[in-house]
Amino acid sequence: MLDVMYELPSREDVNGCTITPEMVEKRSTAELLLHPSSLPKPESA
């Protein structure tokens, strides 16, 4: 979780972060809520 703690303040593409007790216990990564403008745009046909 330290990597998330240090990385998040400098990321402008993240709107939010969710960390649950299960994530901490299993040492998995946090769920990041990305800003819509940072998502890839779908290709139009």
N, C-alpha and C. Protein backbone atom coordinates (compact mmCIF):
# COMPACT_ATOMS: atom_id res chain seq x y z
N MET A 1 0.80 -1.20 0.00
CA MET A 1 0.00 0.00 0.00
C MET A 1 0.85 1.27 0.00
N LEU A 2 2.12 1.15 0.37
CA LEU A 2 2.97 2.33 0.38
C LEU A 2 3.12 2.93 -1.01
N ASP A 3 3.20 2.08 -2.03
CA ASP A 3 3.34 2.61 -3.38
C ASP A 3 2.15 3.49 -3.76
N VAL A 4 0.95 3.07 -3.38
CA VAL A 4 -0.24 3.87 -3.66
C VAL A 4 -0.20 5.18 -2.87
N MET A 5 0.20 5.11 -1.65
CA MET A 5 0.24 6.30 -0.80
C MET A 5 1.17 7.37 -1.38
N TYR A 6 2.29 6.94 -1.93
CA TYR A 6 3.25 7.90 -2.48
C TYR A 6 2.93 8.30 -3.91
N GLU A 7 2.28 7.42 -4.66
CA GLU A 7 2.00 7.70 -6.07
C GLU A 7 0.77 8.57 -6.28
N LEU A 8 -0.28 8.37 -5.50
CA LEU A 8 -1.55 9.07 -5.73
C LEU A 8 -1.48 10.59 -5.73
N PRO A 9 -0.78 11.23 -4.83
CA PRO A 9 -0.80 12.70 -4.83
C PRO A 9 -0.32 13.34 -6.13
N SER A 10 0.55 12.67 -6.86
CA SER A 10 1.06 13.25 -8.10
C SER A 10 0.26 12.85 -9.33
N ARG A 11 -0.71 11.98 -9.18
CA ARG A 11 -1.50 11.54 -10.33
C ARG A 11 -2.72 12.43 -10.51
N GLU A 12 -2.82 13.03 -11.69
CA GLU A 12 -3.95 13.90 -11.99
C GLU A 12 -5.10 13.15 -12.66
N ASP A 13 -4.87 11.89 -13.03
CA ASP A 13 -5.89 11.11 -13.71
C ASP A 13 -6.77 10.30 -12.75
N VAL A 14 -6.55 10.44 -11.44
CA VAL A 14 -7.29 9.66 -10.45
C VAL A 14 -8.24 10.58 -9.67
N ASN A 15 -9.53 10.20 -9.64
CA ASN A 15 -10.53 10.95 -8.88
C ASN A 15 -10.70 10.41 -7.47
N GLY A 16 -10.44 9.13 -7.27
CA GLY A 16 -10.64 8.54 -5.96
C GLY A 16 -9.93 7.21 -5.83
N CYS A 17 -9.88 6.73 -4.61
CA CYS A 17 -9.19 5.48 -4.32
C CYS A 17 -9.97 4.75 -3.23
N THR A 18 -10.20 3.46 -3.43
CA THR A 18 -10.91 2.65 -2.45
C THR A 18 -9.97 1.57 -1.92
N ILE A 19 -9.87 1.52 -0.61
CA ILE A 19 -9.07 0.49 0.06
C ILE A 19 -9.96 -0.19 1.09
N THR A 20 -10.16 -1.48 0.92
CA THR A 20 -11.01 -2.24 1.83
C THR A 20 -10.14 -3.07 2.78
N PRO A 21 -10.70 -3.52 3.89
CA PRO A 21 -9.94 -4.39 4.79
C PRO A 21 -9.41 -5.64 4.08
N GLU A 22 -10.20 -6.19 3.17
CA GLU A 22 -9.77 -7.37 2.44
C GLU A 22 -8.53 -7.09 1.60
N MET A 23 -8.48 -5.91 1.01
CA MET A 23 -7.31 -5.54 0.21
C MET A 23 -6.06 -5.45 1.07
N VAL A 24 -6.21 -4.94 2.26
CA VAL A 24 -5.07 -4.81 3.16
C VAL A 24 -4.62 -6.20 3.63
N GLU A 25 -5.57 -7.05 4.00
CA GLU A 25 -5.24 -8.38 4.49
C GLU A 25 -4.60 -9.25 3.42
N LYS A 26 -5.08 -9.13 2.18
CA LYS A 26 -4.56 -9.95 1.09
C LYS A 26 -3.42 -9.26 0.34
N ARG A 27 -3.08 -8.05 0.77
CA ARG A 27 -2.00 -7.26 0.16
C ARG A 27 -2.22 -7.05 -1.34
N SER A 28 -3.47 -6.81 -1.71
CA SER A 28 -3.74 -6.53 -3.12
C SER A 28 -3.72 -5.02 -3.35
N THR A 29 -3.86 -4.63 -4.59
CA THR A 29 -3.78 -3.21 -4.92
C THR A 29 -5.11 -2.50 -4.66
N ALA A 30 -5.04 -1.20 -4.53
CA ALA A 30 -6.22 -0.38 -4.30
C ALA A 30 -7.00 -0.22 -5.60
N GLU A 31 -8.30 0.06 -5.48
CA GLU A 31 -9.12 0.33 -6.65
C GLU A 31 -9.07 1.83 -6.91
N LEU A 32 -8.65 2.21 -8.10
CA LEU A 32 -8.54 3.61 -8.45
C LEU A 32 -9.70 4.01 -9.35
N LEU A 33 -10.31 5.15 -9.05
CA LEU A 33 -11.36 5.70 -9.88
C LEU A 33 -10.72 6.75 -10.77
N LEU A 34 -10.61 6.43 -12.07
CA LEU A 34 -9.93 7.31 -13.00
C LEU A 34 -10.85 8.39 -13.53
N HIS A 35 -10.28 9.56 -13.78
CA HIS A 35 -11.01 10.68 -14.36
C HIS A 35 -11.39 10.30 -15.78
N PRO A 36 -12.63 10.58 -16.22
CA PRO A 36 -13.08 10.18 -17.56
C PRO A 36 -12.19 10.67 -18.69
N SER A 37 -11.58 11.82 -18.55
CA SER A 37 -10.74 12.35 -19.64
C SER A 37 -9.45 11.55 -19.81
N SER A 38 -9.09 10.74 -18.83
CA SER A 38 -7.86 9.95 -18.93
C SER A 38 -8.10 8.57 -19.54
N LEU A 39 -9.36 8.20 -19.74
CA LEU A 39 -9.68 6.89 -20.31
C LEU A 39 -9.51 6.92 -21.82
N PRO A 40 -9.14 5.80 -22.43
CA PRO A 40 -8.99 5.76 -23.88
C PRO A 40 -10.33 6.03 -24.56
N LYS A 41 -10.29 6.76 -25.63
CA LYS A 41 -11.50 7.08 -26.36
C LYS A 41 -11.83 5.93 -27.33
N PRO A 42 -13.12 5.53 -27.39
CA PRO A 42 -13.47 4.43 -28.32
C PRO A 42 -13.33 4.90 -29.77
N GLU A 43 -12.93 3.96 -30.62
CA GLU A 43 -12.79 4.27 -32.04
C GLU A 43 -14.18 4.29 -32.66
N SER A 44 -14.47 5.31 -33.46
CA SER A 44 -15.76 5.37 -34.13
C SER A 44 -15.66 4.66 -35.48
N ALA A 45 -16.76 4.01 -35.85
CA ALA A 45 -16.77 3.21 -37.09
C ALA A 45 -17.11 4.04 -38.29
